[in-house]
């Protein structure tokens, strides 16, 4: 599955990809499969563009944290509702 290029706006990465779709697209499930992979890549790309000055990329880091939080909450909600989760 080709990975789209990182976005220029941190807010484009706040909502995680549907984790069930992400896991289904992988050959195998691992603990490292991450629906917020796009936000992580955008953060690293920002660091590259800004000579590794963290202060210039704080919005991207926050977008990644928000994405992870939303993903984990989605998984918890699915488990509470008795819906099967891939992991």
PDB file of N, CA and C in Angstrom:
ATOM      1  N   UNK A   1       0.847  -1.164   0.000  1.00  0.00           N
ATOM      2  CA  UNK A   1       0.000   0.000   0.000  1.00  0.00           C
ATOM      3  C   UNK A   1       0.895   1.230   0.000  1.00  0.00           C
ATOM      4  N   UNK A   2       0.838   2.096  -1.027  1.00  0.00           N
ATOM      5  CA  UNK A   2       1.687   3.276  -1.060  1.00  0.00           C
ATOM      6  C   UNK A   2       1.276   4.261   0.021  1.00  0.00           C
ATOM      7  N   UNK A   3       2.265   4.894   0.627  1.00  0.00           N
ATOM      8  CA  UNK A   3       2.016   5.866   1.674  1.00  0.00           C
ATOM      9  C   UNK A   3       2.008   7.254   1.057  1.00  0.00           C
ATOM     10  N   UNK A   4       0.927   8.032   1.264  1.00  0.00           N
ATOM     11  CA  UNK A   4       0.897   9.375   0.721  1.00  0.00           C
ATOM     12  C   UNK A   4       1.964  10.241   1.384  1.00  0.00           C
ATOM     13  N   UNK A   5       2.378  11.282   0.691  1.00  0.00           N
ATOM     14  CA  UNK A   5       3.404  12.153   1.242  1.00  0.00           C
ATOM     15  C   UNK A   5       2.856  12.928   2.431  1.00  0.00           C
ATOM     16  N   UNK A   6       3.704  13.295   3.382  1.00  0.00           N
ATOM     17  CA  UNK A   6       3.257  14.022   4.558  1.00  0.00           C
ATOM     18  C   UNK A   6       2.624  15.356   4.189  1.00  0.00           C
ATOM     19  N   UNK A   7       1.653  15.747   4.964  1.00  0.00           N
ATOM     20  CA  UNK A   7       0.932  16.988   4.731  1.00  0.00           C
ATOM     21  C   UNK A   7       1.737  18.184   5.220  1.00  0.00           C
ATOM     22  N   UNK A   8       1.439  19.346   4.678  1.00  0.00           N
ATOM     23  CA  UNK A   8       2.094  20.564   5.122  1.00  0.00           C
ATOM     24  C   UNK A   8       1.399  21.184   6.320  1.00  0.00           C
ATOM     25  N   UNK A   9       0.165  20.798   6.595  1.00  0.00           N
ATOM     26  CA  UNK A   9      -0.571  21.342   7.728  1.00  0.00           C
ATOM     27  C   UNK A   9      -0.687  20.290   8.817  1.00  0.00           C
ATOM     28  N   UNK A  10      -0.316  20.630  10.046  1.00  0.00           N
ATOM     29  CA  UNK A  10      -0.415  19.638  11.118  1.00  0.00           C
ATOM     30  C   UNK A  10      -1.851  19.191  11.369  1.00  0.00           C
ATOM     31  N   UNK A  11      -2.811  20.070  11.151  1.00  0.00           N
ATOM     32  CA  UNK A  11      -4.200  19.741  11.437  1.00  0.00           C
ATOM     33  C   UNK A  11      -4.755  18.670  10.498  1.00  0.00           C
ATOM     34  N   UNK A  12      -4.103  18.462   9.352  1.00  0.00           N
ATOM     35  CA  UNK A  12      -4.535  17.417   8.430  1.00  0.00           C
ATOM     36  C   UNK A  12      -4.290  16.030   9.012  1.00  0.00           C
ATOM     37  N   UNK A  13      -3.482  15.922  10.049  1.00  0.00           N
ATOM     38  CA  UNK A  13      -3.089  14.628  10.602  1.00  0.00           C
ATOM     39  C   UNK A  13      -3.650  14.347  11.984  1.00  0.00           C
ATOM     40  N   UNK A  14      -4.567  15.158  12.454  1.00  0.00           N
ATOM     41  CA  UNK A  14      -5.088  14.978  13.806  1.00  0.00           C
ATOM     42  C   UNK A  14      -5.989  13.752  13.891  1.00  0.00           C
ATOM     43  N   UNK A  15      -6.787  13.502  12.862  1.00  0.00           N
ATOM     44  CA  UNK A  15      -7.695  12.358  12.886  1.00  0.00           C
ATOM     45  C   UNK A  15      -6.956  11.124  12.371  1.00  0.00           C
ATOM     46  N   UNK A  16      -6.941  10.048  13.165  1.00  0.00           N
ATOM     47  CA  UNK A  16      -6.228   8.846  12.721  1.00  0.00           C
ATOM     48  C   UNK A  16      -6.983   8.149  11.593  1.00  0.00           C
ATOM     49  N   UNK A  17      -6.241   7.405  10.800  1.00  0.00           N
ATOM     50  CA  UNK A  17      -6.871   6.555   9.797  1.00  0.00           C
ATOM     51  C   UNK A  17      -7.652   5.471  10.536  1.00  0.00           C
ATOM     52  N   UNK A  18      -8.656   4.920   9.889  1.00  0.00           N
ATOM     53  CA  UNK A  18      -9.411   3.842  10.507  1.00  0.00           C
ATOM     54  C   UNK A  18      -8.445   2.685  10.770  1.00  0.00           C
ATOM     55  N   UNK A  19      -8.219   2.378  12.023  1.00  0.00           N
ATOM     56  CA  UNK A  19      -7.186   1.406  12.355  1.00  0.00           C
ATOM     57  C   UNK A  19      -7.510   0.021  11.813  1.00  0.00           C
ATOM     58  N   UNK A  20      -8.775  -0.313  11.673  1.00  0.00           N
ATOM     59  CA  UNK A  20      -9.123  -1.619  11.119  1.00  0.00           C
ATOM     60  C   UNK A  20      -8.695  -1.705   9.655  1.00  0.00           C
ATOM     61  N   UNK A  21      -8.885  -0.613   8.907  1.00  0.00           N
ATOM     62  CA  UNK A  21      -8.445  -0.584   7.509  1.00  0.00           C
ATOM     63  C   UNK A  21      -6.926  -0.641   7.409  1.00  0.00           C
ATOM     64  N   UNK A  22      -6.243   0.075   8.303  1.00  0.00           N
ATOM     65  CA  UNK A  22      -4.779   0.075   8.291  1.00  0.00           C
ATOM     66  C   UNK A  22      -4.253  -1.324   8.560  1.00  0.00           C
ATOM     67  N   UNK A  23      -4.818  -1.993   9.557  1.00  0.00           N
ATOM     68  CA  UNK A  23      -4.362  -3.335   9.893  1.00  0.00           C
ATOM     69  C   UNK A  23      -4.700  -4.327   8.780  1.00  0.00           C
ATOM     70  N   UNK A  24      -5.862  -4.175   8.168  1.00  0.00           N
ATOM     71  CA  UNK A  24      -6.272  -5.093   7.106  1.00  0.00           C
ATOM     72  C   UNK A  24      -5.366  -4.960   5.882  1.00  0.00           C
ATOM     73  N   UNK A  25      -4.816  -3.780   5.649  1.00  0.00           N
ATOM     74  CA  UNK A  25      -3.960  -3.548   4.488  1.00  0.00           C
ATOM     75  C   UNK A  25      -2.555  -4.117   4.673  1.00  0.00           C
ATOM     76  N   UNK A  26      -2.169  -4.422   5.890  1.00  0.00           N
ATOM     77  CA  UNK A  26      -0.832  -4.955   6.173  1.00  0.00           C
ATOM     78  C   UNK A  26      -0.795  -6.455   5.927  1.00  0.00           C
ATOM     79  N   UNK A  27       0.377  -6.961   5.621  1.00  0.00           N
ATOM     80  CA  UNK A  27       0.553  -8.386   5.427  1.00  0.00           C
ATOM     81  C   UNK A  27       0.395  -9.143   6.747  1.00  0.00           C
ATOM     82  N   UNK A  28       0.862  -8.524   7.826  1.00  0.00           N
ATOM     83  CA  UNK A  28       0.738  -9.143   9.138  1.00  0.00           C
ATOM     84  C   UNK A  28       0.533  -8.048  10.175  1.00  0.00           C
ATOM     85  N   UNK A  29      -0.116  -8.413  11.261  1.00  0.00           N
ATOM     86  CA  UNK A  29      -0.334  -7.463  12.339  1.00  0.00           C
ATOM     87  C   UNK A  29       0.882  -7.452  13.248  1.00  0.00           C
ATOM     88  N   UNK A  30       1.299  -6.273  13.637  1.00  0.00           N
ATOM     89  CA  UNK A  30       2.355  -6.155  14.635  1.00  0.00           C
ATOM     90  C   UNK A  30       1.957  -5.055  15.593  1.00  0.00           C
ATOM     91  N   UNK A  31       2.645  -5.007  16.703  1.00  0.00           N
ATOM     92  CA  UNK A  31       2.374  -3.935  17.648  1.00  0.00           C
ATOM     93  C   UNK A  31       2.820  -2.583  17.092  1.00  0.00           C
ATOM     94  N   UNK A  32       3.555  -2.608  15.986  1.00  0.00           N
ATOM     95  CA  UNK A  32       4.083  -1.373  15.416  1.00  0.00           C
ATOM     96  C   UNK A  32       3.224  -0.803  14.299  1.00  0.00           C
ATOM     97  N   UNK A  33       2.119  -1.454  13.945  1.00  0.00           N
ATOM     98  CA  UNK A  33       1.220  -0.916  12.940  1.00  0.00           C
ATOM     99  C   UNK A  33       0.553   0.307  13.531  1.00  0.00           C
ATOM    100  N   UNK A  34       0.614   1.419  12.813  1.00  0.00           N
ATOM    101  CA  UNK A  34       0.209   2.697  13.390  1.00  0.00           C
ATOM    102  C   UNK A  34      -0.684   3.492  12.448  1.00  0.00           C
ATOM    103  N   UNK A  35      -1.977   3.684  12.784  1.00  0.00           N
ATOM    104  CA  UNK A  35      -2.858   4.498  11.957  1.00  0.00           C
ATOM    105  C   UNK A  35      -2.444   5.974  11.937  1.00  0.00           C
ATOM    106  N   UNK A  36      -1.574   6.366  12.824  1.00  0.00           N
ATOM    107  CA  UNK A  36      -1.095   7.757  12.867  1.00  0.00           C
ATOM    108  C   UNK A  36       0.267   7.896  12.198  1.00  0.00           C
ATOM    109  N   UNK A  37       0.598   6.945  11.368  1.00  0.00           N
ATOM    110  CA  UNK A  37       1.896   6.947  10.696  1.00  0.00           C
ATOM    111  C   UNK A  37       2.095   8.221   9.871  1.00  0.00           C
ATOM    112  N   UNK A  38       1.028   8.707   9.238  1.00  0.00           N
ATOM    113  CA  UNK A  38       1.132   9.911   8.422  1.00  0.00           C
ATOM    114  C   UNK A  38       1.509  11.119   9.289  1.00  0.00           C
ATOM    115  N   UNK A  39       0.930  11.218  10.479  1.00  0.00           N
ATOM    116  CA  UNK A  39       1.257  12.324  11.381  1.00  0.00           C
ATOM    117  C   UNK A  39       2.709  12.217  11.852  1.00  0.00           C
ATOM    118  N   UNK A  40       3.173  11.008  12.101  1.00  0.00           N
ATOM    119  CA  UNK A  40       4.561  10.809  12.524  1.00  0.00           C
ATOM    120  C   UNK A  40       5.519  11.234  11.416  1.00  0.00           C
ATOM    121  N   UNK A  41       5.204  10.832  10.189  1.00  0.00           N
ATOM    122  CA  UNK A  41       6.066  11.216   9.065  1.00  0.00           C
ATOM    123  C   UNK A  41       6.049  12.722   8.841  1.00  0.00           C
ATOM    124  N   UNK A  42       4.896  13.351   9.036  1.00  0.00           N
ATOM    125  CA  UNK A  42       4.816  14.806   8.886  1.00  0.00           C
ATOM    126  C   UNK A  42       5.684  15.492   9.934  1.00  0.00           C
ATOM    127  N   UNK A  43       5.713  14.960  11.153  1.00  0.00           N
ATOM    128  CA  UNK A  43       6.562  15.523  12.208  1.00  0.00           C
ATOM    129  C   UNK A  43       8.034  15.429  11.843  1.00  0.00           C
ATOM    130  N   UNK A  44       8.433  14.257  11.361  1.00  0.00           N
ATOM    131  CA  UNK A  44       9.834  14.078  10.980  1.00  0.00           C
ATOM    132  C   UNK A  44      10.198  14.941   9.777  1.00  0.00           C
ATOM    133  N   UNK A  45       9.279  15.082   8.851  1.00  0.00           N
ATOM    134  CA  UNK A  45       9.518  15.925   7.686  1.00  0.00           C
ATOM    135  C   UNK A  45       9.685  17.383   8.113  1.00  0.00           C
ATOM    136  N   UNK A  46       8.881  17.810   9.072  1.00  0.00           N
ATOM    137  CA  UNK A  46       9.008  19.176   9.600  1.00  0.00           C
ATOM    138  C   UNK A  46      10.378  19.368  10.231  1.00  0.00           C
ATOM    139  N   UNK A  47      10.824  18.381  10.986  1.00  0.00           N
ATOM    140  CA  UNK A  47      12.148  18.479  11.606  1.00  0.00           C
ATOM    141  C   UNK A  47      13.238  18.594  10.538  1.00  0.00           C
ATOM    142  N   UNK A  48      13.111  17.817   9.475  1.00  0.00           N
ATOM    143  CA  UNK A  48      14.093  17.894   8.380  1.00  0.00           C
ATOM    144  C   UNK A  48      14.107  19.288   7.755  1.00  0.00           C
ATOM    145  N   UNK A  49      12.920  19.834   7.514  1.00  0.00           N
ATOM    146  CA  UNK A  49      12.819  21.150   6.877  1.00  0.00           C
ATOM    147  C   UNK A  49      13.349  22.275   7.761  1.00  0.00           C
ATOM    148  N   UNK A  50      13.300  22.077   9.070  1.00  0.00           N
ATOM    149  CA  UNK A  50      13.665  23.145  10.008  1.00  0.00           C
ATOM    150  C   UNK A  50      14.973  22.871  10.741  1.00  0.00           C
ATOM    151  N   UNK A  51      15.848  22.099  10.144  1.00  0.00           N
ATOM    152  CA  UNK A  51      17.161  21.808  10.728  1.00  0.00           C
ATOM    153  C   UNK A  51      17.059  21.302  12.165  1.00  0.00           C
ATOM    154  N   UNK A  52      16.078  20.460  12.410  1.00  0.00           N
ATOM    155  CA  UNK A  52      15.871  19.804  13.706  1.00  0.00           C
ATOM    156  C   UNK A  52      15.652  20.772  14.870  1.00  0.00           C
ATOM    157  N   UNK A  53      15.014  21.885  14.560  1.00  0.00           N
ATOM    158  CA  UNK A  53      14.603  22.832  15.593  1.00  0.00           C
ATOM    159  C   UNK A  53      13.194  22.442  16.035  1.00  0.00           C
ATOM    160  N   UNK A  54      13.091  21.807  17.190  1.00  0.00           N
ATOM    161  CA  UNK A  54      11.803  21.313  17.698  1.00  0.00           C
ATOM    162  C   UNK A  54      10.762  22.406  17.842  1.00  0.00           C
ATOM    163  N   UNK A  55      11.184  23.601  18.234  1.00  0.00           N
ATOM    164  CA  UNK A  55      10.230  24.678  18.474  1.00  0.00           C
ATOM    165  C   UNK A  55       9.410  25.008  17.240  1.00  0.00           C
ATOM    166  N   UNK A  56       9.976  24.809  16.066  1.00  0.00           N
ATOM    167  CA  UNK A  56       9.254  25.120  14.833  1.00  0.00           C
ATOM    168  C   UNK A  56       8.255  24.032  14.453  1.00  0.00           C
ATOM    169  N   UNK A  57       8.295  22.903  15.120  1.00  0.00           N
ATOM    170  CA  UNK A  57       7.453  21.760  14.735  1.00  0.00           C
ATOM    171  C   UNK A  57       6.474  21.350  15.829  1.00  0.00           C
ATOM    172  N   UNK A  58       6.293  22.159  16.831  1.00  0.00           N
ATOM    173  CA  UNK A  58       5.438  21.784  17.950  1.00  0.00           C
ATOM    174  C   UNK A  58       4.002  21.485  17.519  1.00  0.00           C
ATOM    175  N   UNK A  59       3.489  22.190  16.508  1.00  0.00           N
ATOM    176  CA  UNK A  59       2.131  21.918  16.026  1.00  0.00           C
ATOM    177  C   UNK A  59       2.033  20.515  15.443  1.00  0.00           C
ATOM    178  N   UNK A  60       3.075  20.074  14.749  1.00  0.00           N
ATOM    179  CA  UNK A  60       3.080  18.730  14.186  1.00  0.00           C
ATOM    180  C   UNK A  60       3.150  17.679  15.280  1.00  0.00           C
ATOM    181  N   UNK A  61       3.938  17.939  16.309  1.00  0.00           N
ATOM    182  CA  UNK A  61       4.024  16.995  17.427  1.00  0.00           C
ATOM    183  C   UNK A  61       2.687  16.896  18.157  1.00  0.00           C
ATOM    184  N   UNK A  62       2.026  18.028  18.335  1.00  0.00           N
ATOM    185  CA  UNK A  62       0.722  18.016  19.008  1.00  0.00           C
ATOM    186  C   UNK A  62      -0.307  17.277  18.159  1.00  0.00           C
ATOM    187  N   UNK A  63      -0.254  17.466  16.844  1.00  0.00           N
ATOM    188  CA  UNK A  63      -1.177  16.748  15.961  1.00  0.00           C
ATOM    189  C   UNK A  63      -0.969  15.240  16.088  1.00  0.00           C
ATOM    190  N   UNK A  64       0.281  14.805  16.198  1.00  0.00           N
ATOM    191  CA  UNK A  64       0.578  13.382  16.368  1.00  0.00           C
ATOM    192  C   UNK A  64       0.023  12.879  17.701  1.00  0.00           C
ATOM    193  N   UNK A  65       0.241  13.637  18.768  1.00  0.00           N
ATOM    194  CA  UNK A  65      -0.292  13.226  20.078  1.00  0.00           C
ATOM    195  C   UNK A  65      -1.816  13.154  20.052  1.00  0.00           C
ATOM    196  N   UNK A  66      -2.460  14.131  19.406  1.00  0.00           N
ATOM    197  CA  UNK A  66      -3.920  14.128  19.311  1.00  0.00           C
ATOM    198  C   UNK A  66      -4.417  12.932  18.507  1.00  0.00           C
ATOM    199  N   UNK A  67      -3.701  12.601  17.451  1.00  0.00           N
ATOM    200  CA  UNK A  67      -4.059  11.445  16.622  1.00  0.00           C
ATOM    201  C   UNK A  67      -3.961  10.158  17.439  1.00  0.00           C
ATOM    202  N   UNK A  68      -2.857   9.977  18.146  1.00  0.00           N
ATOM    203  CA  UNK A  68      -2.670   8.771  18.962  1.00  0.00           C
ATOM    204  C   UNK A  68      -3.755   8.669  20.036  1.00  0.00           C
ATOM    205  N   UNK A  69      -4.080   9.788  20.648  1.00  0.00           N
ATOM    206  CA  UNK A  69      -5.108   9.794  21.683  1.00  0.00           C
ATOM    207  C   UNK A  69      -6.460   9.372  21.097  1.00  0.00           C
ATOM    208  N   UNK A  70      -6.799   9.912  19.925  1.00  0.00           N
ATOM    209  CA  UNK A  70      -8.066   9.562  19.280  1.00  0.00           C
ATOM    210  C   UNK A  70      -8.085   8.085  18.885  1.00  0.00           C
ATOM    211  N   UNK A  71      -6.952   7.570  18.400  1.00  0.00           N
ATOM    212  CA  UNK A  71      -6.874   6.161  18.001  1.00  0.00           C
ATOM    213  C   UNK A  71      -7.066   5.252  19.203  1.00  0.00           C
ATOM    214  N   UNK A  72      -6.373   5.539  20.288  1.00  0.00           N
ATOM    215  CA  UNK A  72      -6.489   4.696  21.480  1.00  0.00           C
ATOM    216  C   UNK A  72      -7.897   4.746  22.052  1.00  0.00           C
ATOM    217  N   UNK A  73      -8.514   5.913  22.009  1.00  0.00           N
ATOM    218  CA  UNK A  73      -9.887   6.039  22.497  1.00  0.00           C
ATOM    219  C   UNK A  73     -10.846   5.238  21.604  1.00  0.00           C
ATOM    220  N   UNK A  74     -10.612   5.265  20.307  1.00  0.00           N
ATOM    221  CA  UNK A  74     -11.434   4.490  19.371  1.00  0.00           C
ATOM    222  C   UNK A  74     -11.312   2.995  19.670  1.00  0.00           C
ATOM    223  N   UNK A  75     -10.099   2.527  19.923  1.00  0.00           N
ATOM    224  CA  UNK A  75      -9.900   1.108  20.252  1.00  0.00           C
ATOM    225  C   UNK A  75     -10.577   0.745  21.569  1.00  0.00           C
ATOM    226  N   UNK A  76     -10.437   1.611  22.572  1.00  0.00           N
ATOM    227  CA  UNK A  76     -11.096   1.338  23.869  1.00  0.00           C
ATOM    228  C   UNK A  76     -12.613   1.249  23.702  1.00  0.00           C
ATOM    229  N   UNK A  77     -13.171   2.189  22.944  1.00  0.00           N
ATOM    230  CA  UNK A  77     -14.611   2.208  22.726  1.00  0.00           C
ATOM    231  C   UNK A  77     -15.068   0.924  22.017  1.00  0.00           C
ATOM    232  N   UNK A  78     -14.300   0.476  21.033  1.00  0.00           N
ATOM    233  CA  UNK A  78     -14.645  -0.764  20.332  1.00  0.00           C
ATOM    234  C   UNK A  78     -14.607  -1.960  21.281  1.00  0.00           C
ATOM    235  N   UNK A  79     -13.603  -2.029  22.135  1.00  0.00           N
ATOM    236  CA  UNK A  79     -13.517  -3.150  23.089  1.00  0.00           C
ATOM    237  C   UNK A  79     -14.673  -3.115  24.078  1.00  0.00           C
ATOM    238  N   UNK A  80     -15.015  -1.915  24.567  1.00  0.00           N
ATOM    239  CA  UNK A  80     -16.137  -1.798  25.514  1.00  0.00           C
ATOM    240  C   UNK A  80     -17.441  -2.227  24.880  1.00  0.00           C
ATOM    241  N   UNK A  81     -17.604  -1.919  23.581  1.00  0.00           N
ATOM    242  CA  UNK A  81     -18.837  -2.259  22.877  1.00  0.00           C
ATOM    243  C   UNK A  81     -18.852  -3.703  22.407  1.00  0.00           C
ATOM    244  N   UNK A  82     -17.756  -4.439  22.642  1.00  0.00           N
ATOM    245  CA  UNK A  82     -17.690  -5.833  22.248  1.00  0.00           C
ATOM    246  C   UNK A  82     -17.369  -6.056  20.782  1.00  0.00           C
ATOM    247  N   UNK A  83     -16.968  -4.985  20.075  1.00  0.00           N
ATOM    248  CA  UNK A  83     -16.589  -5.137  18.672  1.00  0.00           C
ATOM    249  C   UNK A  83     -15.175  -5.715  18.611  1.00  0.00           C
ATOM    250  N   UNK A  84     -14.941  -6.626  17.687  1.00  0.00           N
ATOM    251  CA  UNK A  84     -13.593  -7.211  17.591  1.00  0.00           C
ATOM    252  C   UNK A  84     -12.577  -6.176  17.116  1.00  0.00           C
ATOM    253  N   UNK A  85     -11.386  -6.245  17.663  1.00  0.00           N
ATOM    254  CA  UNK A  85     -10.288  -5.383  17.238  1.00  0.00           C
ATOM    255  C   UNK A  85      -9.187  -6.252  16.677  1.00  0.00           C
ATOM    256  N   UNK A  86      -8.476  -5.775  15.664  1.00  0.00           N
ATOM    257  CA  UNK A  86      -7.428  -6.576  15.045  1.00  0.00           C
ATOM    258  C   UNK A  86      -6.302  -6.945  15.996  1.00  0.00           C
ATOM    259  N   UNK A  87      -6.019  -6.099  16.967  1.00  0.00           N
ATOM    260  CA  UNK A  87      -4.927  -6.383  17.897  1.00  0.00           C
ATOM    261  C   UNK A  87      -5.484  -6.518  19.283  1.00  0.00           C
TER     262      UNK A  87
END
